[in-house]
C-alpha cells in the first residue's frame, strides 16, 4: 500500500508555519541581541495570542512577528482586528504579573523579510 502525497493546500500551510516559526526564532534572537529578555513565546489565551513577550527594565514589549516579502507588507498584515486580539491577550498576560503596577508596555512589530535581519518597529500600534 502506497502512501498518498499530501494535498497542495496542506503543503502550503506547512510551509507557512515553518516560515512563521523561523521568523519568530530570528525575531527573538534579534531582541536578545538588543538586550531584551524573552519572557514568553506564543502566549495564548481565549482573548488572543502574542508571538513574543519581551522585557527590558520595566518595559514590556508585546511583539507581533510577521514574515513577509517587505517591511510594508509585514506592518500592513497586522490589521485592526489583530491589534485588538493582541491587546486583549496582553491585558490578560499583564494581569497575571505581581509587578504589573510598575510596568509600562507597548506593542511592537518585527518584520522578517527574506535575506535581511528582522526590522523592529517599536510602538507600532
PDB file of N, CA and C in Angstrom:
ATOM      1  N   UNK A   1       0.832  -1.177   0.000  1.00  0.00           N
ATOM      2  CA  UNK A   1       0.000   0.000   0.000  1.00  0.00           C
ATOM      3  C   UNK A   1       0.881   1.246   0.000  1.00  0.00           C
ATOM      4  N   UNK A   2       0.700   2.104  -0.994  1.00  0.00           N
ATOM      5  CA  UNK A   2       1.487   3.322  -1.117  1.00  0.00           C
ATOM      6  C   UNK A   2       0.800   4.470  -0.385  1.00  0.00           C
ATOM      7  N   UNK A   3       1.630   5.306   0.224  1.00  0.00           N
ATOM      8  CA  UNK A   3       1.087   6.497   0.882  1.00  0.00           C
ATOM      9  C   UNK A   3       0.829   7.566  -0.167  1.00  0.00           C
ATOM     10  N   UNK A   4      -0.283   8.240  -0.014  1.00  0.00           N
ATOM     11  CA  UNK A   4      -0.597   9.329  -0.940  1.00  0.00           C
ATOM     12  C   UNK A   4       0.203  10.571  -0.578  1.00  0.00           C
ATOM     13  N   UNK A   5       0.641  11.331  -1.563  1.00  0.00           N
ATOM     14  CA  UNK A   5       1.339  12.586  -1.242  1.00  0.00           C
ATOM     15  C   UNK A   5       0.345  13.565  -0.626  1.00  0.00           C
ATOM     16  N   UNK A   6       0.825  14.427   0.257  1.00  0.00           N
ATOM     17  CA  UNK A   6      -0.060  15.398   0.887  1.00  0.00           C
ATOM     18  C   UNK A   6      -0.688  16.330  -0.148  1.00  0.00           C
ATOM     19  N   UNK A   7      -1.853  16.800   0.160  1.00  0.00           N
ATOM     20  CA  UNK A   7      -2.550  17.731  -0.725  1.00  0.00           C
ATOM     21  C   UNK A   7      -1.769  19.039  -0.807  1.00  0.00           C
ATOM     22  N   UNK A   8      -1.842  19.751  -1.933  1.00  0.00           N
ATOM     23  CA  UNK A   8      -1.099  21.012  -2.081  1.00  0.00           C
ATOM     24  C   UNK A   8      -1.431  22.026  -0.995  1.00  0.00           C
ATOM     25  N   UNK A   9      -2.689  22.100  -0.592  1.00  0.00           N
ATOM     26  CA  UNK A   9      -3.075  23.060   0.444  1.00  0.00           C
ATOM     27  C   UNK A   9      -2.354  22.756   1.751  1.00  0.00           C
ATOM     28  N   UNK A  10      -2.243  21.485   2.060  1.00  0.00           N
ATOM     29  CA  UNK A  10      -1.574  21.077   3.288  1.00  0.00           C
ATOM     30  C   UNK A  10      -0.092  21.438   3.241  1.00  0.00           C
ATOM     31  N   UNK A  11       0.544  21.240   2.095  1.00  0.00           N
ATOM     32  CA  UNK A  11       1.961  21.608   1.947  1.00  0.00           C
ATOM     33  C   UNK A  11       2.151  23.107   2.102  1.00  0.00           C
ATOM     34  N   UNK A  12       1.257  23.896   1.531  1.00  0.00           N
ATOM     35  CA  UNK A  12       1.364  25.354   1.625  1.00  0.00           C
ATOM     36  C   UNK A  12       1.217  25.802   3.074  1.00  0.00           C
ATOM     37  N   UNK A  13       0.283  25.209   3.792  1.00  0.00           N
ATOM     38  CA  UNK A  13       0.085  25.571   5.190  1.00  0.00           C
ATOM     39  C   UNK A  13       1.305  25.192   6.024  1.00  0.00           C
ATOM     40  N   UNK A  14       1.833  24.001   5.771  1.00  0.00           N
ATOM     41  CA  UNK A  14       3.026  23.552   6.497  1.00  0.00           C
ATOM     42  C   UNK A  14       4.212  24.480   6.212  1.00  0.00           C
ATOM     43  N   UNK A  15       4.374  24.900   4.972  1.00  0.00           N
ATOM     44  CA  UNK A  15       5.466  25.813   4.619  1.00  0.00           C
ATOM     45  C   UNK A  15       5.287  27.160   5.312  1.00  0.00           C
ATOM     46  N   UNK A  16       4.052  27.662   5.366  1.00  0.00           N
ATOM     47  CA  UNK A  16       3.786  28.938   6.034  1.00  0.00           C
ATOM     48  C   UNK A  16       4.081  28.845   7.525  1.00  0.00           C
ATOM     49  N   UNK A  17       3.703  27.746   8.143  1.00  0.00           N
ATOM     50  CA  UNK A  17       4.002  27.559   9.566  1.00  0.00           C
ATOM     51  C   UNK A  17       5.503  27.510   9.805  1.00  0.00           C
ATOM     52  N   UNK A  18       6.226  26.867   8.907  1.00  0.00           N
ATOM     53  CA  UNK A  18       7.683  26.807   9.024  1.00  0.00           C
ATOM     54  C   UNK A  18       8.313  28.180   8.895  1.00  0.00           C
ATOM     55  N   UNK A  19       7.838  28.979   7.929  1.00  0.00           N
ATOM     56  CA  UNK A  19       8.349  30.350   7.778  1.00  0.00           C
ATOM     57  C   UNK A  19       8.058  31.171   9.028  1.00  0.00           C
ATOM     58  N   UNK A  20       6.859  30.986   9.576  1.00  0.00           N
ATOM     59  CA  UNK A  20       6.493  31.720  10.783  1.00  0.00           C
ATOM     60  C   UNK A  20       7.369  31.349  11.961  1.00  0.00           C
ATOM     61  N   UNK A  21       7.635  30.073  12.137  1.00  0.00           N
ATOM     62  CA  UNK A  21       8.482  29.614  13.245  1.00  0.00           C
ATOM     63  C   UNK A  21       9.910  30.137  13.094  1.00  0.00           C
ATOM     64  N   UNK A  22      10.425  30.098  11.866  1.00  0.00           N
ATOM     65  CA  UNK A  22      11.777  30.638  11.628  1.00  0.00           C
ATOM     66  C   UNK A  22      11.796  32.140  11.879  1.00  0.00           C
ATOM     67  N   UNK A  23      10.748  32.822  11.445  1.00  0.00           N
ATOM     68  CA  UNK A  23      10.659  34.268  11.665  1.00  0.00           C
ATOM     69  C   UNK A  23      10.633  34.607  13.146  1.00  0.00           C
ATOM     70  N   UNK A  24       9.865  33.851  13.919  1.00  0.00           N
ATOM     71  CA  UNK A  24       9.799  34.099  15.360  1.00  0.00           C
ATOM     72  C   UNK A  24      11.139  33.806  16.028  1.00  0.00           C
ATOM     73  N   UNK A  25      11.831  32.764  15.576  1.00  0.00           N
ATOM     74  CA  UNK A  25      13.151  32.460  16.128  1.00  0.00           C
ATOM     75  C   UNK A  25      14.110  33.620  15.858  1.00  0.00           C
ATOM     76  N   UNK A  26      14.140  34.109  14.613  1.00  0.00           N
ATOM     77  CA  UNK A  26      15.031  35.225  14.268  1.00  0.00           C
ATOM     78  C   UNK A  26      14.658  36.494  15.022  1.00  0.00           C
ATOM     79  N   UNK A  27      13.367  36.758  15.164  1.00  0.00           N
ATOM     80  CA  UNK A  27      12.920  37.945  15.892  1.00  0.00           C
ATOM     81  C   UNK A  27      13.347  37.869  17.356  1.00  0.00           C
ATOM     82  N   UNK A  28      13.174  36.712  17.985  1.00  0.00           N
ATOM     83  CA  UNK A  28      13.585  36.544  19.382  1.00  0.00           C
ATOM     84  C   UNK A  28      15.096  36.708  19.525  1.00  0.00           C
ATOM     85  N   UNK A  29      15.851  36.167  18.582  1.00  0.00           N
ATOM     86  CA  UNK A  29      17.305  36.312  18.605  1.00  0.00           C
ATOM     87  C   UNK A  29      17.699  37.785  18.482  1.00  0.00           C
ATOM     88  N   UNK A  30      17.074  38.500  17.555  1.00  0.00           N
ATOM     89  CA  UNK A  30      17.373  39.921  17.367  1.00  0.00           C
ATOM     90  C   UNK A  30      17.064  40.714  18.636  1.00  0.00           C
ATOM     91  N   UNK A  31      15.942  40.407  19.272  1.00  0.00           N
ATOM     92  CA  UNK A  31      15.593  41.101  20.513  1.00  0.00           C
ATOM     93  C   UNK A  31      16.606  40.809  21.613  1.00  0.00           C
ATOM     94  N   UNK A  32      17.014  39.569  21.739  1.00  0.00           N
ATOM     95  CA  UNK A  32      18.016  39.214  22.760  1.00  0.00           C
ATOM     96  C   UNK A  32      19.317  39.982  22.532  1.00  0.00           C
ATOM     97  N   UNK A  33      19.729  40.067  21.280  1.00  0.00           N
ATOM     98  CA  UNK A  33      20.966  40.785  20.965  1.00  0.00           C
ATOM     99  C   UNK A  33      20.849  42.278  21.243  1.00  0.00           C
ATOM    100  N   UNK A  34      19.626  42.796  21.269  1.00  0.00           N
ATOM    101  CA  UNK A  34      19.394  44.208  21.598  1.00  0.00           C
ATOM    102  C   UNK A  34      19.195  44.421  23.097  1.00  0.00           C
ATOM    103  N   UNK A  35      19.365  43.355  23.885  1.00  0.00           N
ATOM    104  CA  UNK A  35      19.288  43.494  25.330  1.00  0.00           C
ATOM    105  C   UNK A  35      17.941  43.153  25.951  1.00  0.00           C
ATOM    106  N   UNK A  36      17.014  42.623  25.182  1.00  0.00           N
ATOM    107  CA  UNK A  36      15.707  42.238  25.709  1.00  0.00           C
ATOM    108  C   UNK A  36      15.769  40.828  26.268  1.00  0.00           C
ATOM    109  N   UNK A  37      14.986  40.584  27.297  1.00  0.00           N
ATOM    110  CA  UNK A  37      14.836  39.247  27.858  1.00  0.00           C
ATOM    111  C   UNK A  37      13.487  38.707  27.384  1.00  0.00           C
ATOM    112  N   UNK A  38      13.476  37.546  26.812  1.00  0.00           N
ATOM    113  CA  UNK A  38      12.243  36.936  26.314  1.00  0.00           C
ATOM    114  C   UNK A  38      11.540  36.257  27.487  1.00  0.00           C
ATOM    115  N   UNK A  39      10.333  36.714  27.798  1.00  0.00           N
ATOM    116  CA  UNK A  39       9.562  36.159  28.909  1.00  0.00           C
ATOM    117  C   UNK A  39       8.594  35.081  28.451  1.00  0.00           C
ATOM    118  N   UNK A  40       8.085  35.214  27.237  1.00  0.00           N
ATOM    119  CA  UNK A  40       7.122  34.227  26.732  1.00  0.00           C
ATOM    120  C   UNK A  40       7.153  34.240  25.209  1.00  0.00           C
ATOM    121  N   UNK A  41       6.877  33.067  24.662  1.00  0.00           N
ATOM    122  CA  UNK A  41       6.705  32.951  23.207  1.00  0.00           C
ATOM    123  C   UNK A  41       5.394  32.222  22.969  1.00  0.00           C
ATOM    124  N   UNK A  42       4.656  32.701  21.990  1.00  0.00           N
ATOM    125  CA  UNK A  42       3.362  32.108  21.619  1.00  0.00           C
ATOM    126  C   UNK A  42       2.418  31.992  22.815  1.00  0.00           C
ATOM    127  N   UNK A  43       2.291  33.082  23.561  1.00  0.00           N
ATOM    128  CA  UNK A  43       1.342  33.124  24.671  1.00  0.00           C
ATOM    129  C   UNK A  43      -0.069  33.113  24.093  1.00  0.00           C
ATOM    130  N   UNK A  44      -0.878  32.159  24.556  1.00  0.00           N
ATOM    131  CA  UNK A  44      -2.250  32.032  24.052  1.00  0.00           C
ATOM    132  C   UNK A  44      -3.242  32.050  25.207  1.00  0.00           C
ATOM    133  N   UNK A  45      -4.362  32.686  24.949  1.00  0.00           N
ATOM    134  CA  UNK A  45      -5.492  32.666  25.882  1.00  0.00           C
ATOM    135  C   UNK A  45      -6.757  32.808  25.036  1.00  0.00           C
ATOM    136  N   UNK A  46      -7.907  32.787  25.682  1.00  0.00           N
ATOM    137  CA  UNK A  46      -9.158  32.889  24.919  1.00  0.00           C
ATOM    138  C   UNK A  46      -9.256  34.195  24.142  1.00  0.00           C
ATOM    139  N   UNK A  47      -8.634  35.246  24.653  1.00  0.00           N
ATOM    140  CA  UNK A  47      -8.736  36.565  24.032  1.00  0.00           C
ATOM    141  C   UNK A  47      -7.843  36.736  22.805  1.00  0.00           C
ATOM    142  N   UNK A  48      -6.771  35.958  22.695  1.00  0.00           N
ATOM    143  CA  UNK A  48      -5.874  36.109  21.557  1.00  0.00           C
ATOM    144  C   UNK A  48      -4.529  35.447  21.791  1.00  0.00           C
ATOM    145  N   UNK A  49      -3.567  35.839  20.965  1.00  0.00           N
ATOM    146  CA  UNK A  49      -2.226  35.261  21.031  1.00  0.00           C
ATOM    147  C   UNK A  49      -1.193  36.362  20.879  1.00  0.00           C
ATOM    148  N   UNK A  50      -0.074  36.189  21.565  1.00  0.00           N
ATOM    149  CA  UNK A  50       1.063  37.106  21.443  1.00  0.00           C
ATOM    150  C   UNK A  50       2.263  36.269  21.037  1.00  0.00           C
ATOM    151  N   UNK A  51       2.945  36.689  19.960  1.00  0.00           N
ATOM    152  CA  UNK A  51       4.092  35.925  19.469  1.00  0.00           C
ATOM    153  C   UNK A  51       5.249  35.936  20.465  1.00  0.00           C
ATOM    154  N   UNK A  52       5.630  37.138  20.917  1.00  0.00           N
ATOM    155  CA  UNK A  52       6.761  37.269  21.841  1.00  0.00           C
ATOM    156  C   UNK A  52       6.422  38.315  22.900  1.00  0.00           C
ATOM    157  N   UNK A  53       6.711  37.978  24.146  1.00  0.00           N
ATOM    158  CA  UNK A  53       6.650  38.950  25.237  1.00  0.00           C
ATOM    159  C   UNK A  53       8.081  39.141  25.700  1.00  0.00           C
ATOM    160  N   UNK A  54       8.572  40.385  25.602  1.00  0.00           N
ATOM    161  CA  UNK A  54       9.962  40.669  25.945  1.00  0.00           C
ATOM    162  C   UNK A  54      10.018  41.788  26.978  1.00  0.00           C
ATOM    163  N   UNK A  55      11.095  41.776  27.765  1.00  0.00           N
ATOM    164  CA  UNK A  55      11.244  42.784  28.816  1.00  0.00           C
ATOM    165  C   UNK A  55      12.635  43.381  28.783  1.00  0.00           C
ATOM    166  N   UNK A  56      12.674  44.699  28.968  1.00  0.00           N
ATOM    167  CA  UNK A  56      13.930  45.423  29.145  1.00  0.00           C
ATOM    168  C   UNK A  56      13.669  46.430  30.263  1.00  0.00           C
ATOM    169  N   UNK A  57      14.272  46.187  31.420  1.00  0.00           N
ATOM    170  CA  UNK A  57      13.983  47.024  32.583  1.00  0.00           C
ATOM    171  C   UNK A  57      12.531  46.828  33.001  1.00  0.00           C
ATOM    172  N   UNK A  58      11.796  47.935  33.129  1.00  0.00           N
ATOM    173  CA  UNK A  58      10.384  47.876  33.496  1.00  0.00           C
ATOM    174  C   UNK A  58       9.470  48.022  32.287  1.00  0.00           C
ATOM    175  N   UNK A  59      10.017  47.866  31.090  1.00  0.00           N
ATOM    176  CA  UNK A  59       9.235  47.974  29.861  1.00  0.00           C
ATOM    177  C   UNK A  59       8.958  46.586  29.294  1.00  0.00           C
ATOM    178  N   UNK A  60       7.697  46.321  29.023  1.00  0.00           N
ATOM    179  CA  UNK A  60       7.286  45.068  28.392  1.00  0.00           C
ATOM    180  C   UNK A  60       6.900  45.381  26.953  1.00  0.00           C
ATOM    181  N   UNK A  61       7.421  44.598  26.026  1.00  0.00           N
ATOM    182  CA  UNK A  61       7.048  44.727  24.612  1.00  0.00           C
ATOM    183  C   UNK A  61       6.282  43.472  24.215  1.00  0.00           C
ATOM    184  N   UNK A  62       5.072  43.686  23.730  1.00  0.00           N
ATOM    185  CA  UNK A  62       4.279  42.605  23.160  1.00  0.00           C
ATOM    186  C   UNK A  62       4.535  42.665  21.661  1.00  0.00           C
ATOM    187  N   UNK A  63       5.217  41.670  21.148  1.00  0.00           N
ATOM    188  CA  UNK A  63       5.748  41.725  19.789  1.00  0.00           C
ATOM    189  C   UNK A  63       4.987  40.774  18.866  1.00  0.00           C
ATOM    190  N   UNK A  64       4.465  41.325  17.793  1.00  0.00           N
ATOM    191  CA  UNK A  64       3.842  40.532  16.736  1.00  0.00           C
ATOM    192  C   UNK A  64       4.889  40.355  15.641  1.00  0.00           C
ATOM    193  N   UNK A  65       5.143  39.128  15.252  1.00  0.00           N
ATOM    194  CA  UNK A  65       6.154  38.824  14.242  1.00  0.00           C
ATOM    195  C   UNK A  65       5.446  38.492  12.933  1.00  0.00           C
ATOM    196  N   UNK A  66       5.870  39.146  11.859  1.00  0.00           N
ATOM    197  CA  UNK A  66       5.311  38.873  10.536  1.00  0.00           C
ATOM    198  C   UNK A  66       6.439  38.624   9.549  1.00  0.00           C
ATOM    199  N   UNK A  67       6.415  37.462   8.925  1.00  0.00           N
ATOM    200  CA  UNK A  67       7.375  37.122   7.877  1.00  0.00           C
ATOM    201  C   UNK A  67       6.700  37.397   6.542  1.00  0.00           C
ATOM    202  N   UNK A  68       7.175  38.408   5.846  1.00  0.00           N
ATOM    203  CA  UNK A  68       6.590  38.825   4.575  1.00  0.00           C
ATOM    204  C   UNK A  68       7.704  39.225   3.603  1.00  0.00           C
ATOM    205  N   UNK A  69       7.321  39.522   2.389  1.00  0.00           N
ATOM    206  CA  UNK A  69       8.296  39.880   1.355  1.00  0.00           C
ATOM    207  C   UNK A  69       8.894  41.268   1.588  1.00  0.00           C
ATOM    208  N   UNK A  70       8.168  42.157   2.268  1.00  0.00           N
ATOM    209  CA  UNK A  70       8.675  43.511   2.513  1.00  0.00           C
ATOM    210  C   UNK A  70       8.226  43.980   3.890  1.00  0.00           C
ATOM    211  N   UNK A  71       8.892  45.019   4.375  1.00  0.00           N
ATOM    212  CA  UNK A  71       8.521  45.584   5.673  1.00  0.00           C
ATOM    213  C   UNK A  71       7.094  46.118   5.640  1.00  0.00           C
ATOM    214  N   UNK A  72       6.739  46.783   4.563  1.00  0.00           N
ATOM    215  CA  UNK A  72       5.399  47.342   4.440  1.00  0.00           C
ATOM    216  C   UNK A  72       4.317  46.274   4.501  1.00  0.00           C
ATOM    217  N   UNK A  73       4.552  45.166   3.816  1.00  0.00           N
ATOM    218  CA  UNK A  73       3.580  44.062   3.851  1.00  0.00           C
ATOM    219  C   UNK A  73       3.455  43.495   5.251  1.00  0.00           C
ATOM    220  N   UNK A  74       4.571  43.428   5.966  1.00  0.00           N
ATOM    221  CA  UNK A  74       4.544  42.889   7.326  1.00  0.00           C
ATOM    222  C   UNK A  74       3.723  43.786   8.250  1.00  0.00           C
ATOM    223  N   UNK A  75       3.957  45.079   8.179  1.00  0.00           N
ATOM    224  CA  UNK A  75       3.223  46.020   9.033  1.00  0.00           C
ATOM    225  C   UNK A  75       1.745  46.031   8.656  1.00  0.00           C
ATOM    226  N   UNK A  76       1.449  46.025   7.359  1.00  0.00           N
ATOM    227  CA  UNK A  76       0.056  46.040   6.900  1.00  0.00           C
ATOM    228  C   UNK A  76      -0.695  44.763   7.290  1.00  0.00           C
ATOM    229  N   UNK A  77       0.023  43.687   7.522  1.00  0.00           N
ATOM    230  CA  UNK A  77      -0.613  42.411   7.865  1.00  0.00           C
ATOM    231  C   UNK A  77      -1.189  42.406   9.282  1.00  0.00           C
ATOM    232  N   UNK A  78      -0.830  43.392  10.081  1.00  0.00           N
ATOM    233  CA  UNK A  78      -1.360  43.488  11.443  1.00  0.00           C
ATOM    234  C   UNK A  78      -2.505  44.494  11.416  1.00  0.00           C
ATOM    235  N   UNK A  79      -3.683  44.006  11.109  1.00  0.00           N
ATOM    236  CA  UNK A  79      -4.858  44.867  10.984  1.00  0.00           C
ATOM    237  C   UNK A  79      -5.487  45.194  12.331  1.00  0.00           C
ATOM    238  N   UNK A  80      -6.562  45.951  12.276  1.00  0.00           N
ATOM    239  CA  UNK A  80      -7.247  46.399  13.498  1.00  0.00           C
ATOM    240  C   UNK A  80      -7.735  45.226  14.360  1.00  0.00           C
ATOM    241  N   UNK A  81      -8.289  44.203  13.715  1.00  0.00           N
ATOM    242  CA  UNK A  81      -8.780  43.054  14.469  1.00  0.00           C
ATOM    243  C   UNK A  81      -7.625  42.316  15.151  1.00  0.00           C
ATOM    244  N   UNK A  82      -6.512  42.162  14.451  1.00  0.00           N
ATOM    245  CA  UNK A  82      -5.328  41.531  15.050  1.00  0.00           C
ATOM    246  C   UNK A  82      -4.823  42.364  16.224  1.00  0.00           C
ATOM    247  N   UNK A  83      -4.792  43.664  16.043  1.00  0.00           N
ATOM    248  CA  UNK A  83      -4.342  44.555  17.115  1.00  0.00           C
ATOM    249  C   UNK A  83      -5.236  44.419  18.347  1.00  0.00           C
ATOM    250  N   UNK A  84      -6.539  44.325  18.129  1.00  0.00           N
ATOM    251  CA  UNK A  84      -7.479  44.181  19.241  1.00  0.00           C
ATOM    252  C   UNK A  84      -7.229  42.874  19.994  1.00  0.00           C
ATOM    253  N   UNK A  85      -7.056  41.768  19.250  1.00  0.00           N
ATOM    254  CA  UNK A  85      -6.812  40.477  19.886  1.00  0.00           C
ATOM    255  C   UNK A  85      -5.483  40.476  20.654  1.00  0.00           C
ATOM    256  N   UNK A  86      -4.462  41.079  20.084  1.00  0.00           N
ATOM    257  CA  UNK A  86      -3.160  41.149  20.757  1.00  0.00           C
ATOM    258  C   UNK A  86      -3.275  41.991  22.028  1.00  0.00           C
ATOM    259  N   UNK A  87      -3.960  43.121  21.954  1.00  0.00           N
ATOM    260  CA  UNK A  87      -4.135  43.984  23.129  1.00  0.00           C
ATOM    261  C   UNK A  87      -4.919  43.271  24.225  1.00  0.00           C
ATOM    262  N   UNK A  88      -5.948  42.520  23.858  1.00  0.00           N
ATOM    263  CA  UNK A  88      -6.725  41.773  24.849  1.00  0.00           C
ATOM    264  C   UNK A  88      -5.880  40.682  25.507  1.00  0.00           C
ATOM    265  N   UNK A  89      -5.087  39.977  24.716  1.00  0.00           N
ATOM    266  CA  UNK A  89      -4.207  38.946  25.269  1.00  0.00           C
ATOM    267  C   UNK A  89      -3.145  39.585  26.167  1.00  0.00           C
ATOM    268  N   UNK A  90      -2.658  40.765  25.783  1.00  0.00           N
ATOM    269  CA  UNK A  90      -1.662  41.470  26.602  1.00  0.00           C
ATOM    270  C   UNK A  90      -2.250  41.848  27.958  1.00  0.00           C
ATOM    271  N   UNK A  91      -3.509  42.263  27.972  1.00  0.00           N
ATOM    272  CA  UNK A  91      -4.159  42.613  29.242  1.00  0.00           C
ATOM    273  C   UNK A  91      -4.243  41.389  30.152  1.00  0.00           C
ATOM    274  N   UNK A  92      -4.529  40.238  29.570  1.00  0.00           N
ATOM    275  CA  UNK A  92      -4.573  39.000  30.358  1.00  0.00           C
ATOM    276  C   UNK A  92      -3.185  38.678  30.889  1.00  0.00           C
ATOM    277  N   UNK A  93      -2.164  38.798  30.046  1.00  0.00           N
ATOM    278  CA  UNK A  93      -0.796  38.487  30.465  1.00  0.00           C
ATOM    279  C   UNK A  93      -0.353  39.430  31.587  1.00  0.00           C
ATOM    280  N   UNK A  94      -0.586  40.724  31.418  1.00  0.00           N
ATOM    281  CA  UNK A  94      -0.189  41.717  32.430  1.00  0.00           C
ATOM    282  C   UNK A  94      -0.913  41.468  33.750  1.00  0.00           C
ATOM    283  N   UNK A  95      -2.193  41.112  33.678  1.00  0.00           N
ATOM    284  CA  UNK A  95      -2.984  40.887  34.899  1.00  0.00           C
ATOM    285  C   UNK A  95      -2.387  39.783  35.767  1.00  0.00           C
ATOM    286  N   UNK A  96      -1.667  38.856  35.158  1.00  0.00           N
ATOM    287  CA  UNK A  96      -1.069  37.763  35.909  1.00  0.00           C
ATOM    288  C   UNK A  96       0.277  38.081  36.531  1.00  0.00           C
ATOM    289  N   UNK A  97       0.764  39.292  36.364  1.00  0.00           N
ATOM    290  CA  UNK A  97       2.081  39.676  36.892  1.00  0.00           C
ATOM    291  C   UNK A  97       1.947  40.361  38.248  1.00  0.00           C
ATOM    292  N   UNK A  98       2.777  39.962  39.187  1.00  0.00           N
ATOM    293  CA  UNK A  98       2.750  40.616  40.506  1.00  0.00           C
ATOM    294  C   UNK A  98       3.253  42.052  40.441  1.00  0.00           C
ATOM    295  N   UNK A  99       4.209  42.317  39.560  1.00  0.00           N
ATOM    296  CA  UNK A  99       4.810  43.652  39.460  1.00  0.00           C
ATOM    297  C   UNK A  99       4.135  44.522  38.406  1.00  0.00           C
ATOM    298  N   UNK A 100       2.890  44.217  38.059  1.00  0.00           N
ATOM    299  CA  UNK A 100       2.195  44.916  36.965  1.00  0.00           C
ATOM    300  C   UNK A 100       2.071  46.419  37.188  1.00  0.00           C
ATOM    301  N   UNK A 101       2.030  46.855  38.452  1.00  0.00           N
ATOM    302  CA  UNK A 101       1.836  48.284  38.727  1.00  0.00           C
ATOM    303  C   UNK A 101       3.043  49.133  38.343  1.00  0.00           C
ATOM    304  N   UNK A 102       4.208  48.543  38.316  1.00  0.00           N
ATOM    305  CA  UNK A 102       5.387  49.340  37.953  1.00  0.00           C
ATOM    306  C   UNK A 102       5.834  49.126  36.512  1.00  0.00           C
ATOM    307  N   UNK A 103       5.110  48.297  35.773  1.00  0.00           N
ATOM    308  CA  UNK A 103       5.475  48.016  34.386  1.00  0.00           C
ATOM    309  C   UNK A 103       4.780  48.976  33.426  1.00  0.00           C
ATOM    310  N   UNK A 104       5.493  49.334  32.385  1.00  0.00           N
ATOM    311  CA  UNK A 104       4.859  50.011  31.252  1.00  0.00           C
ATOM    312  C   UNK A 104       4.973  49.051  30.076  1.00  0.00           C
ATOM    313  N   UNK A 105       4.084  49.194  29.105  1.00  0.00           N
ATOM    314  CA  UNK A 105       4.132  48.270  27.994  1.00  0.00           C
ATOM    315  C   UNK A 105       3.764  48.951  26.694  1.00  0.00           C
ATOM    316  N   UNK A 106       4.154  48.276  25.622  1.00  0.00           N
ATOM    317  CA  UNK A 106       3.876  48.780  24.279  1.00  0.00           C
ATOM    318  C   UNK A 106       3.718  47.592  23.343  1.00  0.00           C
ATOM    319  N   UNK A 107       3.267  47.892  22.123  1.00  0.00           N
ATOM    320  CA  UNK A 107       3.041  46.869  21.113  1.00  0.00           C
ATOM    321  C   UNK A 107       3.976  47.123  19.939  1.00  0.00           C
ATOM    322  N   UNK A 108       4.805  46.144  19.637  1.00  0.00           N
ATOM    323  CA  UNK A 108       5.800  46.251  18.576  1.00  0.00           C
ATOM    324  C   UNK A 108       5.496  45.245  17.469  1.00  0.00           C
ATOM    325  N   UNK A 109       6.098  45.485  16.315  1.00  0.00           N
ATOM    326  CA  UNK A 109       6.040  44.540  15.205  1.00  0.00           C
ATOM    327  C   UNK A 109       7.472  44.254  14.778  1.00  0.00           C
ATOM    328  N   UNK A 110       7.778  42.983  14.565  1.00  0.00           N
ATOM    329  CA  UNK A 110       9.059  42.590  13.988  1.00  0.00           C
ATOM    330  C   UNK A 110       8.771  42.076  12.594  1.00  0.00           C
ATOM    331  N   UNK A 111       9.321  42.760  11.601  1.00  0.00           N
ATOM    332  CA  UNK A 111       9.154  42.359  10.208  1.00  0.00           C
ATOM    333  C   UNK A 111      10.347  41.508   9.805  1.00  0.00           C
ATOM    334  N   UNK A 112      10.056  40.294   9.390  1.00  0.00           N
ATOM    335  CA  UNK A 112      11.106  39.370   8.955  1.00  0.00           C
ATOM    336  C   UNK A 112      10.953  39.215   7.447  1.00  0.00           C
ATOM    337  N   UNK A 113      11.960  39.689   6.722  1.00  0.00           N
ATOM    338  CA  UNK A 113      11.941  39.634   5.261  1.00  0.00           C
ATOM    339  C   UNK A 113      13.073  38.739   4.770  1.00  0.00           C
ATOM    340  N   UNK A 114      12.935  38.194   3.575  1.00  0.00           N
ATOM    341  CA  UNK A 114      13.971  37.282   3.074  1.00  0.00           C
ATOM    342  C   UNK A 114      15.351  37.930   2.997  1.00  0.00           C
ATOM    343  N   UNK A 115      16.340  37.235   3.488  1.00  0.00           N
ATOM    344  CA  UNK A 115      17.750  37.604   3.414  1.00  0.00           C
ATOM    345  C   UNK A 115      18.077  38.922   4.102  1.00  0.00           C
ATOM    346  N   UNK A 116      17.259  39.312   5.066  1.00  0.00           N
ATOM    347  CA  UNK A 116      17.502  40.540   5.834  1.00  0.00           C
ATOM    348  C   UNK A 116      17.369  40.224   7.320  1.00  0.00           C
ATOM    349  N   UNK A 117      18.045  41.024   8.125  1.00  0.00           N
ATOM    350  CA  UNK A 117      17.887  40.915   9.558  1.00  0.00           C
ATOM    351  C   UNK A 117      16.509  41.474   9.923  1.00  0.00           C
ATOM    352  N   UNK A 118      15.826  40.916  10.917  1.00  0.00           N
ATOM    353  CA  UNK A 118      14.493  41.416  11.272  1.00  0.00           C
ATOM    354  C   UNK A 118      14.513  42.898  11.621  1.00  0.00           C
ATOM    355  N   UNK A 119      13.476  43.602  11.173  1.00  0.00           N
ATOM    356  CA  UNK A 119      13.337  45.022  11.454  1.00  0.00           C
ATOM    357  C   UNK A 119      12.334  45.209  12.587  1.00  0.00           C
ATOM    358  N   UNK A 120      12.734  45.956  13.607  1.00  0.00           N
ATOM    359  CA  UNK A 120      11.931  46.150  14.798  1.00  0.00           C
ATOM    360  C   UNK A 120      11.195  47.483  14.714  1.00  0.00           C
ATOM    361  N   UNK A 121       9.874  47.432  14.587  1.00  0.00           N
ATOM    362  CA  UNK A 121       9.045  48.634  14.604  1.00  0.00           C
ATOM    363  C   UNK A 121       8.534  48.799  16.035  1.00  0.00           C
ATOM    364  N   UNK A 122       9.126  49.726  16.751  1.00  0.00           N
ATOM    365  CA  UNK A 122       8.757  49.947  18.147  1.00  0.00           C
ATOM    366  C   UNK A 122       7.478  50.760  18.239  1.00  0.00           C
ATOM    367  N   UNK A 123       6.648  50.447  19.241  1.00  0.00           N
ATOM    368  CA  UNK A 123       5.396  51.165  19.498  1.00  0.00           C
ATOM    369  C   UNK A 123       4.574  51.301  18.215  1.00  0.00           C
ATOM    370  N   UNK A 124       4.394  50.182  17.542  1.00  0.00           N
ATOM    371  CA  UNK A 124       3.772  50.164  16.205  1.00  0.00           C
ATOM    372  C   UNK A 124       2.277  50.425  16.220  1.00  0.00           C
ATOM    373  N   UNK A 125       1.618  50.086  17.322  1.00  0.00           N
ATOM    374  CA  UNK A 125       0.173  50.382  17.417  1.00  0.00           C
ATOM    375  C   UNK A 125      -0.236  50.542  18.845  1.00  0.00           C
TER     376      UNK A 125
END
